[in-house]
């Protein structure tokens, strides 16, 4: 798996999680007090994964720039 495929796979996973959360919320007649805890937990999980993906992408981008500069 290439680096680009790896990043895309992680992003798709997070989009899927957000779509699942949205579907769950849309299926409910109303949002109860307990639902807010569930929503907050799920959103924090997605945010944590997105931050990891952003960090990985940034590290890969920095490494590529360093290699390209060194080669030139």
C-alpha atoms as a PDB file:
ATOM      1  CA  UNK A   1       0.000   0.000   0.000  1.00  0.00           C
ATOM      2  CA  UNK A   2       1.400   3.383  -0.986  1.00  0.00           C
ATOM      3  CA  UNK A   3       1.512   6.320   1.413  1.00  0.00           C
ATOM      4  CA  UNK A   4      -1.277   8.079  -0.471  1.00  0.00           C
ATOM      5  CA  UNK A   5      -3.483   4.988  -0.291  1.00  0.00           C
ATOM      6  CA  UNK A   6      -2.737   4.701   3.427  1.00  0.00           C
ATOM      7  CA  UNK A   7      -3.817   8.302   4.105  1.00  0.00           C
ATOM      8  CA  UNK A   8      -6.905   7.961   1.905  1.00  0.00           C
ATOM      9  CA  UNK A   9      -7.882   4.767   3.714  1.00  0.00           C
ATOM     10  CA  UNK A  10      -7.664   6.519   7.088  1.00  0.00           C
ATOM     11  CA  UNK A  11      -9.680   9.496   5.844  1.00  0.00           C
ATOM     12  CA  UNK A  12     -12.365   7.206   4.426  1.00  0.00           C
ATOM     13  CA  UNK A  13     -12.589   5.473   7.777  1.00  0.00           C
ATOM     14  CA  UNK A  14     -13.191   8.774   9.566  1.00  0.00           C
ATOM     15  CA  UNK A  15     -15.778   9.881   6.999  1.00  0.00           C
ATOM     16  CA  UNK A  16     -17.537   6.544   7.483  1.00  0.00           C
ATOM     17  CA  UNK A  17     -17.590   7.065  11.258  1.00  0.00           C
ATOM     18  CA  UNK A  18     -19.047  10.561  10.828  1.00  0.00           C
ATOM     19  CA  UNK A  19     -21.666   9.257   8.380  1.00  0.00           C
ATOM     20  CA  UNK A  20     -22.630   6.536  10.856  1.00  0.00           C
ATOM     21  CA  UNK A  21     -23.001   9.099  13.636  1.00  0.00           C
ATOM     22  CA  UNK A  22     -25.106  11.329  11.391  1.00  0.00           C
ATOM     23  CA  UNK A  23     -27.349   8.414  10.390  1.00  0.00           C
ATOM     24  CA  UNK A  24     -27.778   7.496  14.047  1.00  0.00           C
ATOM     25  CA  UNK A  25     -28.769  11.047  14.945  1.00  0.00           C
ATOM     26  CA  UNK A  26     -31.149  11.367  11.994  1.00  0.00           C
ATOM     27  CA  UNK A  27     -32.905   8.144  12.990  1.00  0.00           C
ATOM     28  CA  UNK A  28     -33.679   9.514  16.451  1.00  0.00           C
ATOM     29  CA  UNK A  29     -36.818  11.521  17.157  1.00  0.00           C
ATOM     30  CA  UNK A  30     -34.921  13.702  19.574  1.00  0.00           C
ATOM     31  CA  UNK A  31     -31.586  13.906  21.280  1.00  0.00           C
ATOM     32  CA  UNK A  32     -31.595  12.881  24.904  1.00  0.00           C
ATOM     33  CA  UNK A  33     -29.121  13.882  27.592  1.00  0.00           C
ATOM     34  CA  UNK A  34     -27.268  10.546  27.305  1.00  0.00           C
ATOM     35  CA  UNK A  35     -26.971  10.996  23.554  1.00  0.00           C
ATOM     36  CA  UNK A  36     -24.814  14.079  24.026  1.00  0.00           C
ATOM     37  CA  UNK A  37     -22.213  12.025  25.901  1.00  0.00           C
ATOM     38  CA  UNK A  38     -22.219   9.448  23.108  1.00  0.00           C
ATOM     39  CA  UNK A  39     -21.923  12.159  20.433  1.00  0.00           C
ATOM     40  CA  UNK A  40     -19.084  13.866  22.290  1.00  0.00           C
ATOM     41  CA  UNK A  41     -17.233  10.575  22.710  1.00  0.00           C
ATOM     42  CA  UNK A  42     -17.556   9.682  19.025  1.00  0.00           C
ATOM     43  CA  UNK A  43     -16.524  13.151  17.854  1.00  0.00           C
ATOM     44  CA  UNK A  44     -13.467  13.145  20.111  1.00  0.00           C
ATOM     45  CA  UNK A  45     -12.491   9.751  18.689  1.00  0.00           C
ATOM     46  CA  UNK A  46     -12.815  11.008  15.108  1.00  0.00           C
ATOM     47  CA  UNK A  47     -10.869  14.177  15.944  1.00  0.00           C
ATOM     48  CA  UNK A  48      -8.090  12.111  17.560  1.00  0.00           C
ATOM     49  CA  UNK A  49      -7.781   9.949  14.439  1.00  0.00           C
ATOM     50  CA  UNK A  50      -7.844  12.979  12.126  1.00  0.00           C
ATOM     51  CA  UNK A  51      -5.070  14.633  14.140  1.00  0.00           C
ATOM     52  CA  UNK A  52      -2.968  11.462  13.845  1.00  0.00           C
ATOM     53  CA  UNK A  53      -3.568  11.380  10.100  1.00  0.00           C
ATOM     54  CA  UNK A  54      -2.693  15.077   9.782  1.00  0.00           C
ATOM     55  CA  UNK A  55       0.503  14.556  11.779  1.00  0.00           C
ATOM     56  CA  UNK A  56       1.498  11.558   9.663  1.00  0.00           C
ATOM     57  CA  UNK A  57       0.778  13.481   6.473  1.00  0.00           C
ATOM     58  CA  UNK A  58       2.793  16.445   7.709  1.00  0.00           C
ATOM     59  CA  UNK A  59       5.743  14.231   8.646  1.00  0.00           C
ATOM     60  CA  UNK A  60       5.665  12.545   5.236  1.00  0.00           C
ATOM     61  CA  UNK A  61       5.460  15.906   3.486  1.00  0.00           C
ATOM     62  CA  UNK A  62       8.393  17.291   5.495  1.00  0.00           C
ATOM     63  CA  UNK A  63      10.473  14.178   4.795  1.00  0.00           C
ATOM     64  CA  UNK A  64       9.740  14.403   1.069  1.00  0.00           C
ATOM     65  CA  UNK A  65      10.745  18.064   0.992  1.00  0.00           C
ATOM     66  CA  UNK A  66      14.001  17.309   2.753  1.00  0.00           C
ATOM     67  CA  UNK A  67      14.819  14.496   0.326  1.00  0.00           C
ATOM     68  CA  UNK A  68      13.973  16.619  -2.684  1.00  0.00           C
ATOM     69  CA  UNK A  69      16.176  19.471  -1.448  1.00  0.00           C
ATOM     70  CA  UNK A  70      19.043  17.124  -0.734  1.00  0.00           C
ATOM     71  CA  UNK A  71      18.811  15.514  -4.169  1.00  0.00           C
ATOM     72  CA  UNK A  72      18.873  18.859  -5.963  1.00  0.00           C
END
